[in-house]
Protein backbone atom coordinates (compact mmCIF):
# COMPACT_ATOMS: atom_id res chain seq x y z
CA UNK A 1 0.00 0.00 0.00
CA UNK A 2 1.33 3.44 -0.90
CA UNK A 3 1.96 5.74 2.05
CA UNK A 4 -0.21 8.42 0.45
CA UNK A 5 -3.24 6.15 0.83
CA UNK A 6 -2.75 5.60 4.56
CA UNK A 7 -5.14 7.53 6.77
CA UNK A 8 -3.74 6.58 10.15
CA UNK A 9 -1.40 4.42 12.17
CA UNK A 10 -2.12 2.61 15.43
CA UNK A 11 0.66 2.09 17.96
CA UNK A 12 -0.10 -0.66 20.47
CA UNK A 13 2.50 -0.24 23.21
CA UNK A 14 0.56 -1.76 26.09
CA UNK A 15 -0.69 -4.99 24.57
CA UNK A 16 -4.38 -4.07 24.37
CA UNK A 17 -4.73 -4.84 20.66
CA UNK A 18 -1.99 -7.45 20.33
CA UNK A 19 -0.31 -9.62 22.94
CA UNK A 20 2.89 -7.57 23.23
CA UNK A 21 2.73 -6.41 26.86
CA UNK A 22 5.07 -9.18 28.03
CA UNK A 23 7.60 -8.36 25.29
CA UNK A 24 7.56 -4.68 26.24
CA UNK A 25 7.94 -5.50 29.93
CA UNK A 26 10.97 -7.68 29.19
CA UNK A 27 12.53 -4.95 27.04
CA UNK A 28 12.08 -2.30 29.76
CA UNK A 29 13.41 -4.70 32.39
CA UNK A 30 16.45 -5.50 30.26
CA UNK A 31 17.19 -1.84 29.70
CA UNK A 32 16.68 -0.62 33.26
CA UNK A 33 18.29 -3.50 35.18
CA UNK A 34 21.77 -2.55 33.98
CA UNK A 35 21.15 1.17 34.46
CA UNK A 36 19.78 0.77 37.99
CA UNK A 37 22.53 -1.65 39.04
CA UNK A 38 25.25 0.67 37.75
CA UNK A 39 23.79 3.70 39.54
CA UNK A 40 23.14 1.77 42.75
CA UNK A 41 26.80 0.72 42.85
CA UNK A 42 27.90 4.30 42.18
CA UNK A 43 25.68 5.62 45.00
CA UNK A 44 26.54 2.66 47.29
CA UNK A 45 22.91 1.48 47.48
CA UNK A 46 22.35 -2.26 48.10
PDB file of N, CA and C in Angstrom:
ATOM      1  N   UNK A   1       0.845  -1.175   0.000  1.00  0.00           N
ATOM      2  CA  UNK A   1       0.000   0.000   0.000  1.00  0.00           C
ATOM      3  C   UNK A   1       0.890   1.238   0.000  1.00  0.00           C
ATOM      4  N   UNK A   2       0.571   2.186  -0.839  1.00  0.00           N
ATOM      5  CA  UNK A   2       1.325   3.440  -0.900  1.00  0.00           C
ATOM      6  C   UNK A   2       1.067   4.261   0.353  1.00  0.00           C
ATOM      7  N   UNK A   3       2.107   4.929   0.838  1.00  0.00           N
ATOM      8  CA  UNK A   3       1.963   5.737   2.050  1.00  0.00           C
ATOM      9  C   UNK A   3       0.943   6.852   1.878  1.00  0.00           C
ATOM     10  N   UNK A   4       0.753   7.339   0.668  1.00  0.00           N
ATOM     11  CA  UNK A   4      -0.206   8.421   0.447  1.00  0.00           C
ATOM     12  C   UNK A   4      -1.642   7.957   0.667  1.00  0.00           C
ATOM     13  N   UNK A   5      -1.893   6.665   0.629  1.00  0.00           N
ATOM     14  CA  UNK A   5      -3.244   6.149   0.831  1.00  0.00           C
ATOM     15  C   UNK A   5      -3.542   5.838   2.291  1.00  0.00           C
ATOM     16  N   UNK A   6      -2.530   5.879   3.138  1.00  0.00           N
ATOM     17  CA  UNK A   6      -2.749   5.596   4.558  1.00  0.00           C
ATOM     18  C   UNK A   6      -3.449   6.777   5.219  1.00  0.00           C
ATOM     19  N   UNK A   7      -4.401   6.481   6.072  1.00  0.00           N
ATOM     20  CA  UNK A   7      -5.138   7.530   6.769  1.00  0.00           C
ATOM     21  C   UNK A   7      -4.806   7.582   8.249  1.00  0.00           C
ATOM     22  N   UNK A   8      -4.094   6.593   8.736  1.00  0.00           N
ATOM     23  CA  UNK A   8      -3.742   6.581  10.149  1.00  0.00           C
ATOM     24  C   UNK A   8      -2.856   5.401  10.487  1.00  0.00           C
ATOM     25  N   UNK A   9      -2.267   5.481  11.668  1.00  0.00           N
ATOM     26  CA  UNK A   9      -1.397   4.423  12.173  1.00  0.00           C
ATOM     27  C   UNK A   9      -1.766   4.193  13.629  1.00  0.00           C
ATOM     28  N   UNK A  10      -1.817   2.943  14.035  1.00  0.00           N
ATOM     29  CA  UNK A  10      -2.124   2.612  15.427  1.00  0.00           C
ATOM     30  C   UNK A  10      -0.875   2.023  16.067  1.00  0.00           C
ATOM     31  N   UNK A  11      -0.459   2.606  17.188  1.00  0.00           N
ATOM     32  CA  UNK A  11       0.664   2.087  17.962  1.00  0.00           C
ATOM     33  C   UNK A  11       0.097   1.393  19.191  1.00  0.00           C
ATOM     34  N   UNK A  12       0.391   0.126  19.339  1.00  0.00           N
ATOM     35  CA  UNK A  12      -0.101  -0.655  20.473  1.00  0.00           C
ATOM     36  C   UNK A  12       1.071  -0.964  21.392  1.00  0.00           C
ATOM     37  N   UNK A  13       1.345  -0.079  22.337  1.00  0.00           N
ATOM     38  CA  UNK A  13       2.502  -0.240  23.208  1.00  0.00           C
ATOM     39  C   UNK A  13       2.176  -0.894  24.539  1.00  0.00           C
ATOM     40  N   UNK A  14       0.917  -1.159  24.799  1.00  0.00           N
ATOM     41  CA  UNK A  14       0.562  -1.756  26.089  1.00  0.00           C
ATOM     42  C   UNK A  14      -0.093  -3.120  25.955  1.00  0.00           C
ATOM     43  N   UNK A  15      -0.175  -3.645  24.748  1.00  0.00           N
ATOM     44  CA  UNK A  15      -0.690  -4.992  24.566  1.00  0.00           C
ATOM     45  C   UNK A  15      -2.197  -5.116  24.553  1.00  0.00           C
ATOM     46  N   UNK A  16      -2.915  -4.010  24.395  1.00  0.00           N
ATOM     47  CA  UNK A  16      -4.376  -4.072  24.368  1.00  0.00           C
ATOM     48  C   UNK A  16      -4.869  -4.710  23.068  1.00  0.00           C
ATOM     49  N   UNK A  17      -4.287  -4.321  21.950  1.00  0.00           N
ATOM     50  CA  UNK A  17      -4.732  -4.835  20.656  1.00  0.00           C
ATOM     51  C   UNK A  17      -4.039  -6.155  20.330  1.00  0.00           C
ATOM     52  N   UNK A  18      -2.755  -6.219  20.562  1.00  0.00           N
ATOM     53  CA  UNK A  18      -1.993  -7.449  20.327  1.00  0.00           C
ATOM     54  C   UNK A  18      -1.299  -7.855  21.620  1.00  0.00           C
ATOM     55  N   UNK A  19      -0.907  -9.099  21.719  1.00  0.00           N
ATOM     56  CA  UNK A  19      -0.305  -9.616  22.943  1.00  0.00           C
ATOM     57  C   UNK A  19       1.172  -9.270  23.081  1.00  0.00           C
ATOM     58  N   UNK A  20       1.488  -7.985  23.162  1.00  0.00           N
ATOM     59  CA  UNK A  20       2.886  -7.565  23.226  1.00  0.00           C
ATOM     60  C   UNK A  20       3.296  -7.020  24.589  1.00  0.00           C
ATOM     61  N   UNK A  21       2.410  -6.997  25.549  1.00  0.00           N
ATOM     62  CA  UNK A  21       2.725  -6.413  26.857  1.00  0.00           C
ATOM     63  C   UNK A  21       3.915  -7.115  27.504  1.00  0.00           C
ATOM     64  N   UNK A  22       3.967  -8.426  27.422  1.00  0.00           N
ATOM     65  CA  UNK A  22       5.073  -9.182  28.033  1.00  0.00           C
ATOM     66  C   UNK A  22       6.400  -8.838  27.359  1.00  0.00           C
ATOM     67  N   UNK A  23       6.387  -8.708  26.037  1.00  0.00           N
ATOM     68  CA  UNK A  23       7.601  -8.364  25.292  1.00  0.00           C
ATOM     69  C   UNK A  23       8.092  -6.978  25.698  1.00  0.00           C
ATOM     70  N   UNK A  24       7.178  -6.030  25.822  1.00  0.00           N
ATOM     71  CA  UNK A  24       7.556  -4.677  26.238  1.00  0.00           C
ATOM     72  C   UNK A  24       8.096  -4.676  27.661  1.00  0.00           C
ATOM     73  N   UNK A  25       7.479  -5.421  28.542  1.00  0.00           N
ATOM     74  CA  UNK A  25       7.942  -5.495  29.934  1.00  0.00           C
ATOM     75  C   UNK A  25       9.360  -6.064  29.992  1.00  0.00           C
ATOM     76  N   UNK A  26       9.629  -7.092  29.217  1.00  0.00           N
ATOM     77  CA  UNK A  26      10.974  -7.677  29.190  1.00  0.00           C
ATOM     78  C   UNK A  26      12.000  -6.699  28.624  1.00  0.00           C
ATOM     79  N   UNK A  27      11.613  -5.937  27.619  1.00  0.00           N
ATOM     80  CA  UNK A  27      12.525  -4.950  27.036  1.00  0.00           C
ATOM     81  C   UNK A  27      12.856  -3.855  28.043  1.00  0.00           C
ATOM     82  N   UNK A  28      11.839  -3.332  28.731  1.00  0.00           N
ATOM     83  CA  UNK A  28      12.076  -2.303  29.756  1.00  0.00           C
ATOM     84  C   UNK A  28      12.931  -2.853  30.885  1.00  0.00           C
ATOM     85  N   UNK A  29      12.642  -4.070  31.312  1.00  0.00           N
ATOM     86  CA  UNK A  29      13.411  -4.697  32.389  1.00  0.00           C
ATOM     87  C   UNK A  29      14.875  -4.857  31.980  1.00  0.00           C
ATOM     88  N   UNK A  30      15.098  -5.312  30.762  1.00  0.00           N
ATOM     89  CA  UNK A  30      16.455  -5.503  30.262  1.00  0.00           C
ATOM     90  C   UNK A  30      17.216  -4.185  30.231  1.00  0.00           C
ATOM     91  N   UNK A  31      16.544  -3.135  29.801  1.00  0.00           N
ATOM     92  CA  UNK A  31      17.194  -1.838  29.704  1.00  0.00           C
ATOM     93  C   UNK A  31      17.489  -1.248  31.079  1.00  0.00           C
ATOM     94  N   UNK A  32      16.520  -1.296  31.975  1.00  0.00           N
ATOM     95  CA  UNK A  32      16.675  -0.619  33.257  1.00  0.00           C
ATOM     96  C   UNK A  32      17.481  -1.409  34.276  1.00  0.00           C
ATOM     97  N   UNK A  33      17.531  -2.723  34.201  1.00  0.00           N
ATOM     98  CA  UNK A  33      18.294  -3.501  35.179  1.00  0.00           C
ATOM     99  C   UNK A  33      19.757  -3.077  35.207  1.00  0.00           C
ATOM    100  N   UNK A  34      20.377  -2.965  34.043  1.00  0.00           N
ATOM    101  CA  UNK A  34      21.772  -2.546  33.977  1.00  0.00           C
ATOM    102  C   UNK A  34      21.960  -1.121  34.465  1.00  0.00           C
ATOM    103  N   UNK A  35      21.075  -0.239  34.059  1.00  0.00           N
ATOM    104  CA  UNK A  35      21.148   1.168  34.461  1.00  0.00           C
ATOM    105  C   UNK A  35      21.010   1.312  35.972  1.00  0.00           C
ATOM    106  N   UNK A  36      20.017   0.651  36.550  1.00  0.00           N
ATOM    107  CA  UNK A  36      19.785   0.769  37.990  1.00  0.00           C
ATOM    108  C   UNK A  36      20.916   0.136  38.791  1.00  0.00           C
ATOM    109  N   UNK A  37      21.430  -0.994  38.331  1.00  0.00           N
ATOM    110  CA  UNK A  37      22.533  -1.648  39.040  1.00  0.00           C
ATOM    111  C   UNK A  37      23.771  -0.758  39.034  1.00  0.00           C
ATOM    112  N   UNK A  38      24.077  -0.193  37.883  1.00  0.00           N
ATOM    113  CA  UNK A  38      25.249   0.672  37.754  1.00  0.00           C
ATOM    114  C   UNK A  38      25.138   1.888  38.672  1.00  0.00           C
ATOM    115  N   UNK A  39      23.971   2.513  38.706  1.00  0.00           N
ATOM    116  CA  UNK A  39      23.787   3.698  39.542  1.00  0.00           C
ATOM    117  C   UNK A  39      23.723   3.346  41.017  1.00  0.00           C
ATOM    118  N   UNK A  40      23.186   2.191  41.353  1.00  0.00           N
ATOM    119  CA  UNK A  40      23.144   1.766  42.753  1.00  0.00           C
ATOM    120  C   UNK A  40      24.562   1.545  43.271  1.00  0.00           C
ATOM    121  N   UNK A  41      25.409   0.941  42.443  1.00  0.00           N
ATOM    122  CA  UNK A  41      26.796   0.721  42.848  1.00  0.00           C
ATOM    123  C   UNK A  41      27.530   2.047  43.011  1.00  0.00           C
ATOM    124  N   UNK A  42      27.250   2.992  42.123  1.00  0.00           N
ATOM    125  CA  UNK A  42      27.897   4.300  42.185  1.00  0.00           C
ATOM    126  C   UNK A  42      27.476   5.053  43.448  1.00  0.00           C
ATOM    127  N   UNK A  43      26.213   4.920  43.834  1.00  0.00           N
ATOM    128  CA  UNK A  43      25.679   5.618  45.004  1.00  0.00           C
ATOM    129  C   UNK A  43      25.804   4.786  46.275  1.00  0.00           C
ATOM    130  N   UNK A  44      26.377   3.579  46.159  1.00  0.00           N
ATOM    131  CA  UNK A  44      26.544   2.663  47.290  1.00  0.00           C
ATOM    132  C   UNK A  44      25.204   2.270  47.918  1.00  0.00           C
ATOM    133  N   UNK A  45      24.243   1.924  47.053  1.00  0.00           N
ATOM    134  CA  UNK A  45      22.914   1.482  47.485  1.00  0.00           C
ATOM    135  C   UNK A  45      22.834  -0.025  47.259  1.00  0.00           C
ATOM    136  N   UNK A  46      22.412  -0.790  48.263  1.00  0.00           N
ATOM    137  CA  UNK A  46      22.349  -2.256  48.096  1.00  0.00           C
ATOM    138  C   UNK A  46      21.314  -2.692  47.072  1.00  0.00           C
TER     139      UNK A  46
END
